[in-house]
């Protein structure tokens, strides 16, 4: 949509923070706001504030649904804020240029932790909803993880049955410990670090998911 006959054009450099799609993580951002008005009798008393706020609100909407990647967000904001936007119920038009977006080192670290935890949650959900949904799938999973040592699968069958039973109907706070122990017994090659990580991931399924900015 193009504006009508233009009045005077003004500009204002804006710097501040825009929330990302990761709770608690913000982008450092800046852009040059440009605004103008159609030639009408009615003028807004604070055109600068109106223009700056219109661009900020649009940026917030875009960043909230974009991947938490500074290059992706910068390109998306530059593309969308660069379009002429008519401010609702006014004769004003606004756009922005020279968009800059960056993550501080602490924010970038928080995003990396969030991505890691999201991947862990997806893996645990896959184990719970698919791998251990039934004994047949669990046995095939065990074989794939153990180089298809068919001669050893009989010894693991009882443990796998216990895991499937636990995953299907557990309703107490001890599930993570029980399931971890059963998984470790079924996969003896896990080292201490892997066992600790496995227990941590399983506990997240029970609601122990921590804030993305926590260490």
C-alpha atoms as a PDB file:
ATOM      1  CA  UNK A   1       0.000   0.000   0.000  1.00  0.00           C
ATOM      2  CA  UNK A   2       1.403   3.395  -0.965  1.00  0.00           C
ATOM      3  CA  UNK A   3       0.848   6.625   0.925  1.00  0.00           C
ATOM      4  CA  UNK A   4      -1.002   9.632  -0.382  1.00  0.00           C
ATOM      5  CA  UNK A   5       0.481  13.099  -0.931  1.00  0.00           C
ATOM      6  CA  UNK A   6       3.283  13.560   1.565  1.00  0.00           C
ATOM      7  CA  UNK A   7       3.879  16.197   4.156  1.00  0.00           C
ATOM      8  CA  UNK A   8       7.219  16.758   5.861  1.00  0.00           C
ATOM      9  CA  UNK A   9       9.442  13.725   6.477  1.00  0.00           C
ATOM     10  CA  UNK A  10      11.251  13.249   9.799  1.00  0.00           C
ATOM     11  CA  UNK A  11      13.670  10.667  11.173  1.00  0.00           C
ATOM     12  CA  UNK A  12      14.729   9.324  14.565  1.00  0.00           C
ATOM     13  CA  UNK A  13      17.403   6.765  15.444  1.00  0.00           C
ATOM     14  CA  UNK A  14      16.035   4.163  17.869  1.00  0.00           C
ATOM     15  CA  UNK A  15      18.152   1.884  20.071  1.00  0.00           C
ATOM     16  CA  UNK A  16      16.909  -0.603  22.627  1.00  0.00           C
ATOM     17  CA  UNK A  17      16.021  -4.235  23.266  1.00  0.00           C
ATOM     18  CA  UNK A  18      13.570  -6.573  21.570  1.00  0.00           C
ATOM     19  CA  UNK A  19      12.498  -9.848  23.195  1.00  0.00           C
ATOM     20  CA  UNK A  20      13.372 -13.033  21.320  1.00  0.00           C
ATOM     21  CA  UNK A  21      11.286 -16.190  21.067  1.00  0.00           C
ATOM     22  CA  UNK A  22      13.324 -17.611  23.981  1.00  0.00           C
ATOM     23  CA  UNK A  23      11.865 -16.455  27.335  1.00  0.00           C
ATOM     24  CA  UNK A  24      14.201 -14.083  29.124  1.00  0.00           C
ATOM     25  CA  UNK A  25      16.483 -13.492  26.113  1.00  0.00           C
ATOM     26  CA  UNK A  26      16.562 -10.128  24.344  1.00  0.00           C
ATOM     27  CA  UNK A  27      18.218  -8.818  21.209  1.00  0.00           C
ATOM     28  CA  UNK A  28      20.147  -5.551  21.217  1.00  0.00           C
ATOM     29  CA  UNK A  29      18.601  -3.659  18.315  1.00  0.00           C
ATOM     30  CA  UNK A  30      18.685  -0.357  16.470  1.00  0.00           C
ATOM     31  CA  UNK A  31      17.058   1.175  13.403  1.00  0.00           C
ATOM     32  CA  UNK A  32      16.334   4.516  11.788  1.00  0.00           C
ATOM     33  CA  UNK A  33      12.642   5.407  11.963  1.00  0.00           C
ATOM     34  CA  UNK A  34      11.246   7.554   9.167  1.00  0.00           C
ATOM     35  CA  UNK A  35       7.761   9.028   9.303  1.00  0.00           C
ATOM     36  CA  UNK A  36       5.576  11.378   7.333  1.00  0.00           C
ATOM     37  CA  UNK A  37       1.926  12.341   7.133  1.00  0.00           C
ATOM     38  CA  UNK A  38      -0.606  12.788   4.368  1.00  0.00           C
ATOM     39  CA  UNK A  39      -1.717  16.353   3.871  1.00  0.00           C
ATOM     40  CA  UNK A  40      -4.864  16.523   5.978  1.00  0.00           C
ATOM     41  CA  UNK A  41      -6.317  18.889   8.499  1.00  0.00           C
ATOM     42  CA  UNK A  42      -5.839  16.443  11.387  1.00  0.00           C
ATOM     43  CA  UNK A  43      -2.347  15.874  12.769  1.00  0.00           C
ATOM     44  CA  UNK A  44      -1.227  13.737  15.690  1.00  0.00           C
ATOM     45  CA  UNK A  45       0.234  15.888  18.499  1.00  0.00           C
ATOM     46  CA  UNK A  46       3.208  13.510  19.061  1.00  0.00           C
ATOM     47  CA  UNK A  47       4.185  12.126  15.656  1.00  0.00           C
ATOM     48  CA  UNK A  48       7.699  11.104  16.746  1.00  0.00           C
ATOM     49  CA  UNK A  49       6.438   8.987  19.654  1.00  0.00           C
ATOM     50  CA  UNK A  50       3.734   7.461  17.472  1.00  0.00           C
ATOM     51  CA  UNK A  51       6.193   6.498  14.727  1.00  0.00           C
ATOM     52  CA  UNK A  52       8.817   5.067  17.081  1.00  0.00           C
ATOM     53  CA  UNK A  53       6.229   3.028  18.965  1.00  0.00           C
ATOM     54  CA  UNK A  54       4.655   1.701  15.769  1.00  0.00           C
ATOM     55  CA  UNK A  55       8.007   0.336  14.560  1.00  0.00           C
ATOM     56  CA  UNK A  56       8.862  -1.090  17.976  1.00  0.00           C
ATOM     57  CA  UNK A  57       5.535  -2.925  18.303  1.00  0.00           C
ATOM     58  CA  UNK A  58       5.914  -4.360  14.813  1.00  0.00           C
ATOM     59  CA  UNK A  59       9.451  -5.530  15.634  1.00  0.00           C
ATOM     60  CA  UNK A  60       8.245  -7.189  18.843  1.00  0.00           C
ATOM     61  CA  UNK A  61       5.603  -9.135  16.898  1.00  0.00           C
ATOM     62  CA  UNK A  62       8.153 -10.342  14.348  1.00  0.00           C
ATOM     63  CA  UNK A  63      10.927 -11.280  16.778  1.00  0.00           C
ATOM     64  CA  UNK A  64       8.537 -13.222  19.017  1.00  0.00           C
ATOM     65  CA  UNK A  65       7.851 -15.800  16.302  1.00  0.00           C
ATOM     66  CA  UNK A  66      11.265 -15.886  14.590  1.00  0.00           C
ATOM     67  CA  UNK A  67      14.045 -18.382  15.346  1.00  0.00           C
ATOM     68  CA  UNK A  68      16.394 -16.939  18.001  1.00  0.00           C
ATOM     69  CA  UNK A  69      19.143 -16.259  15.455  1.00  0.00           C
ATOM     70  CA  UNK A  70      20.441 -12.718  15.111  1.00  0.00           C
ATOM     71  CA  UNK A  71      20.994 -12.947  11.354  1.00  0.00           C
ATOM     72  CA  UNK A  72      17.526 -14.354  10.720  1.00  0.00           C
ATOM     73  CA  UNK A  73      15.890 -11.733  12.949  1.00  0.00           C
ATOM     74  CA  UNK A  74      17.898  -8.886  11.430  1.00  0.00           C
ATOM     75  CA  UNK A  75      16.915  -9.876   7.886  1.00  0.00           C
ATOM     76  CA  UNK A  76      13.269 -10.344   8.833  1.00  0.00           C
ATOM     77  CA  UNK A  77      13.060  -7.012  10.624  1.00  0.00           C
ATOM     78  CA  UNK A  78      14.876  -5.222   7.811  1.00  0.00           C
ATOM     79  CA  UNK A  79      12.472  -6.685   5.245  1.00  0.00           C
ATOM     80  CA  UNK A  80       9.289  -5.990   7.190  1.00  0.00           C
ATOM     81  CA  UNK A  81      10.111  -2.693   8.897  1.00  0.00           C
ATOM     82  CA  UNK A  82      11.283  -1.343   5.556  1.00  0.00           C
ATOM     83  CA  UNK A  83       7.727  -1.530   4.220  1.00  0.00           C
ATOM     84  CA  UNK A  84       5.567   1.569   4.435  1.00  0.00           C
ATOM     85  CA  UNK A  85       3.134   1.113   7.300  1.00  0.00           C
ATOM     86  CA  UNK A  86       0.151   3.337   7.886  1.00  0.00           C
ATOM     87  CA  UNK A  87      -0.408   3.932  11.584  1.00  0.00           C
ATOM     88  CA  UNK A  88      -3.947   2.865  12.409  1.00  0.00           C
ATOM     89  CA  UNK A  89      -6.542   5.653  12.729  1.00  0.00           C
ATOM     90  CA  UNK A  90      -4.066   8.361  11.711  1.00  0.00           C
ATOM     91  CA  UNK A  91      -2.807  10.029   8.549  1.00  0.00           C
ATOM     92  CA  UNK A  92       0.759   9.000   9.414  1.00  0.00           C
ATOM     93  CA  UNK A  93       3.026   6.600   7.589  1.00  0.00           C
ATOM     94  CA  UNK A  94       6.187   5.053   8.992  1.00  0.00           C
ATOM     95  CA  UNK A  95       9.054   2.765   7.993  1.00  0.00           C
ATOM     96  CA  UNK A  96      12.533   1.871   9.261  1.00  0.00           C
ATOM     97  CA  UNK A  97      15.945   1.300   7.721  1.00  0.00           C
ATOM     98  CA  UNK A  98      19.533   0.526   8.785  1.00  0.00           C
ATOM     99  CA  UNK A  99      18.327  -2.286  11.045  1.00  0.00           C
ATOM    100  CA  UNK A 100      20.909  -3.750  13.435  1.00  0.00           C
ATOM    101  CA  UNK A 101      20.328  -6.829  15.612  1.00  0.00           C
ATOM    102  CA  UNK A 102      22.773  -8.580  17.931  1.00  0.00           C
ATOM    103  CA  UNK A 103      22.891 -10.968  20.875  1.00  0.00           C
ATOM    104  CA  UNK A 104      25.158 -10.283  23.820  1.00  0.00           C
ATOM    105  CA  UNK A 105      27.551 -13.124  24.753  1.00  0.00           C
ATOM    106  CA  UNK A 106      25.339 -14.029  27.730  1.00  0.00           C
ATOM    107  CA  UNK A 107      22.202 -14.024  25.564  1.00  0.00           C
ATOM    108  CA  UNK A 108      23.897 -16.139  22.886  1.00  0.00           C
ATOM    109  CA  UNK A 109      24.910 -18.670  25.544  1.00  0.00           C
ATOM    110  CA  UNK A 110      21.343 -18.785  26.848  1.00  0.00           C
ATOM    111  CA  UNK A 111      20.048 -19.422  23.331  1.00  0.00           C
ATOM    112  CA  UNK A 112      22.560 -22.250  22.871  1.00  0.00           C
ATOM    113  CA  UNK A 113      21.431 -23.841  26.155  1.00  0.00           C
ATOM    114  CA  UNK A 114      17.798 -23.482  25.104  1.00  0.00           C
ATOM    115  CA  UNK A 115      18.474 -25.222  21.801  1.00  0.00           C
ATOM    116  CA  UNK A 116      20.315 -28.032  23.567  1.00  0.00           C
ATOM    117  CA  UNK A 117      17.477 -28.522  26.030  1.00  0.00           C
ATOM    118  CA  UNK A 118      14.890 -28.440  23.266  1.00  0.00           C
ATOM    119  CA  UNK A 119      16.781 -31.205  21.465  1.00  0.00           C
ATOM    120  CA  UNK A 120      17.044 -33.212  24.685  1.00  0.00           C
ATOM    121  CA  UNK A 121      13.313 -32.863  25.322  1.00  0.00           C
ATOM    122  CA  UNK A 122      12.558 -33.992  21.780  1.00  0.00           C
ATOM    123  CA  UNK A 123      14.795 -37.041  22.235  1.00  0.00           C
ATOM    124  CA  UNK A 124      13.182 -38.003  25.540  1.00  0.00           C
ATOM    125  CA  UNK A 125       9.704 -37.487  24.087  1.00  0.00           C
ATOM    126  CA  UNK A 126      10.673 -39.834  21.245  1.00  0.00           C
ATOM    127  CA  UNK A 127      11.822 -42.470  23.736  1.00  0.00           C
ATOM    128  CA  UNK A 128       8.653 -42.146  25.789  1.00  0.00           C
ATOM    129  CA  UNK A 129       6.112 -41.923  22.979  1.00  0.00           C
ATOM    130  CA  UNK A 130       7.691 -44.221  20.386  1.00  0.00           C
ATOM    131  CA  UNK A 131      10.618 -46.372  21.511  1.00  0.00           C
ATOM    132  CA  UNK A 132       9.074 -47.573  24.775  1.00  0.00           C
ATOM    133  CA  UNK A 133       5.461 -47.479  23.641  1.00  0.00           C
ATOM    134  CA  UNK A 134       5.540 -51.261  23.231  1.00  0.00           C
ATOM    135  CA  UNK A 135       7.938 -54.126  23.821  1.00  0.00           C
ATOM    136  CA  UNK A 136       8.574 -54.893  20.149  1.00  0.00           C
ATOM    137  CA  UNK A 137       9.784 -51.375  19.420  1.00  0.00           C
ATOM    138  CA  UNK A 138      11.866 -51.367  22.606  1.00  0.00           C
ATOM    139  CA  UNK A 139      13.587 -54.621  21.621  1.00  0.00           C
ATOM    140  CA  UNK A 140      14.377 -53.289  18.148  1.00  0.00           C
ATOM    141  CA  UNK A 141      15.753 -50.106  19.719  1.00  0.00           C
ATOM    142  CA  UNK A 142      17.972 -52.194  22.040  1.00  0.00           C
ATOM    143  CA  UNK A 143      19.268 -54.264  19.137  1.00  0.00           C
ATOM    144  CA  UNK A 144      20.108 -51.179  17.112  1.00  0.00           C
ATOM    145  CA  UNK A 145      21.952 -49.619  20.065  1.00  0.00           C
ATOM    146  CA  UNK A 146      23.853 -52.827  20.778  1.00  0.00           C
ATOM    147  CA  UNK A 147      25.133 -53.784  17.316  1.00  0.00           C
ATOM    148  CA  UNK A 148      22.284 -56.274  16.799  1.00  0.00           C
ATOM    149  CA  UNK A 149      23.691 -58.756  19.314  1.00  0.00           C
ATOM    150  CA  UNK A 150      20.675 -61.053  19.066  1.00  0.00           C
ATOM    151  CA  UNK A 151      22.210 -63.606  21.413  1.00  0.00           C
ATOM    152  CA  UNK A 152      22.079 -61.055  24.252  1.00  0.00           C
ATOM    153  CA  UNK A 153      18.596 -59.670  23.711  1.00  0.00           C
ATOM    154  CA  UNK A 154      16.943 -62.369  25.838  1.00  0.00           C
ATOM    155  CA  UNK A 155      18.810 -61.173  28.913  1.00  0.00           C
ATOM    156  CA  UNK A 156      17.615 -57.609  28.284  1.00  0.00           C
ATOM    157  CA  UNK A 157      13.994 -58.532  27.582  1.00  0.00           C
ATOM    158  CA  UNK A 158      12.869 -58.442  31.209  1.00  0.00           C
ATOM    159  CA  UNK A 159      14.445 -55.035  31.744  1.00  0.00           C
ATOM    160  CA  UNK A 160      12.861 -53.680  28.578  1.00  0.00           C
ATOM    161  CA  UNK A 161       9.467 -54.990  29.675  1.00  0.00           C
ATOM    162  CA  UNK A 162       9.901 -53.131  32.960  1.00  0.00           C
ATOM    163  CA  UNK A 163      10.807 -49.925  31.141  1.00  0.00           C
ATOM    164  CA  UNK A 164       7.751 -50.176  28.877  1.00  0.00           C
ATOM    165  CA  UNK A 165       5.541 -50.748  31.904  1.00  0.00           C
ATOM    166  CA  UNK A 166       7.042 -47.786  33.737  1.00  0.00           C
ATOM    167  CA  UNK A 167       6.683 -45.447  30.763  1.00  0.00           C
ATOM    168  CA  UNK A 168       3.072 -46.481  30.162  1.00  0.00           C
ATOM    169  CA  UNK A 169       1.727 -45.981  33.648  1.00  0.00           C
ATOM    170  CA  UNK A 170       4.079 -44.225  36.035  1.00  0.00           C
ATOM    171  CA  UNK A 171       2.462 -41.604  38.232  1.00  0.00           C
ATOM    172  CA  UNK A 172       4.921 -41.054  41.077  1.00  0.00           C
ATOM    173  CA  UNK A 173       7.986 -38.876  41.570  1.00  0.00           C
ATOM    174  CA  UNK A 174      10.357 -41.860  41.573  1.00  0.00           C
ATOM    175  CA  UNK A 175       9.812 -42.641  37.904  1.00  0.00           C
ATOM    176  CA  UNK A 176      12.945 -40.875  36.667  1.00  0.00           C
ATOM    177  CA  UNK A 177      15.200 -42.811  39.020  1.00  0.00           C
ATOM    178  CA  UNK A 178      13.556 -46.154  38.216  1.00  0.00           C
ATOM    179  CA  UNK A 179      13.615 -45.583  34.478  1.00  0.00           C
ATOM    180  CA  UNK A 180      17.213 -44.401  34.526  1.00  0.00           C
ATOM    181  CA  UNK A 181      18.320 -47.475  36.457  1.00  0.00           C
ATOM    182  CA  UNK A 182      16.503 -49.756  34.032  1.00  0.00           C
ATOM    183  CA  UNK A 183      18.005 -48.013  31.004  1.00  0.00           C
ATOM    184  CA  UNK A 184      21.497 -48.180  32.468  1.00  0.00           C
ATOM    185  CA  UNK A 185      21.082 -51.895  33.157  1.00  0.00           C
ATOM    186  CA  UNK A 186      19.855 -52.463  29.609  1.00  0.00           C
ATOM    187  CA  UNK A 187      22.742 -50.423  28.160  1.00  0.00           C
ATOM    188  CA  UNK A 188      25.795 -51.202  30.329  1.00  0.00           C
ATOM    189  CA  UNK A 189      28.198 -49.352  27.995  1.00  0.00           C
ATOM    190  CA  UNK A 190      26.956 -45.963  29.229  1.00  0.00           C
ATOM    191  CA  UNK A 191      29.655 -44.084  31.130  1.00  0.00           C
ATOM    192  CA  UNK A 192      29.067 -42.016  34.273  1.00  0.00           C
ATOM    193  CA  UNK A 193      28.607 -38.776  32.316  1.00  0.00           C
ATOM    194  CA  UNK A 194      26.022 -40.363  30.029  1.00  0.00           C
ATOM    195  CA  UNK A 195      24.119 -41.810  32.990  1.00  0.00           C
ATOM    196  CA  UNK A 196      23.982 -38.411  34.680  1.00  0.00           C
ATOM    197  CA  UNK A 197      22.778 -36.770  31.465  1.00  0.00           C
ATOM    198  CA  UNK A 198      20.166 -39.460  30.932  1.00  0.00           C
ATOM    199  CA  UNK A 199      18.731 -38.979  34.413  1.00  0.00           C
ATOM    200  CA  UNK A 200      18.665 -35.209  33.927  1.00  0.00           C
ATOM    201  CA  UNK A 201      16.781 -35.541  30.646  1.00  0.00           C
ATOM    202  CA  UNK A 202      14.246 -37.966  32.092  1.00  0.00           C
ATOM    203  CA  UNK A 203      13.574 -35.670  35.048  1.00  0.00           C
ATOM    204  CA  UNK A 204      12.706 -32.896  32.603  1.00  0.00           C
ATOM    205  CA  UNK A 205       9.857 -35.029  31.293  1.00  0.00           C
ATOM    206  CA  UNK A 206       8.435 -34.959  34.821  1.00  0.00           C
ATOM    207  CA  UNK A 207       8.433 -31.160  34.898  1.00  0.00           C
ATOM    208  CA  UNK A 208      11.903 -30.299  36.111  1.00  0.00           C
ATOM    209  CA  UNK A 209      12.588 -28.127  33.049  1.00  0.00           C
ATOM    210  CA  UNK A 210      14.578 -25.101  34.206  1.00  0.00           C
ATOM    211  CA  UNK A 211      14.613 -21.453  33.130  1.00  0.00           C
ATOM    212  CA  UNK A 212      16.618 -20.941  29.914  1.00  0.00           C
ATOM    213  CA  UNK A 213      18.881 -18.396  31.623  1.00  0.00           C
ATOM    214  CA  UNK A 214      19.700 -20.705  34.549  1.00  0.00           C
ATOM    215  CA  UNK A 215      23.119 -22.258  34.641  1.00  0.00           C
END
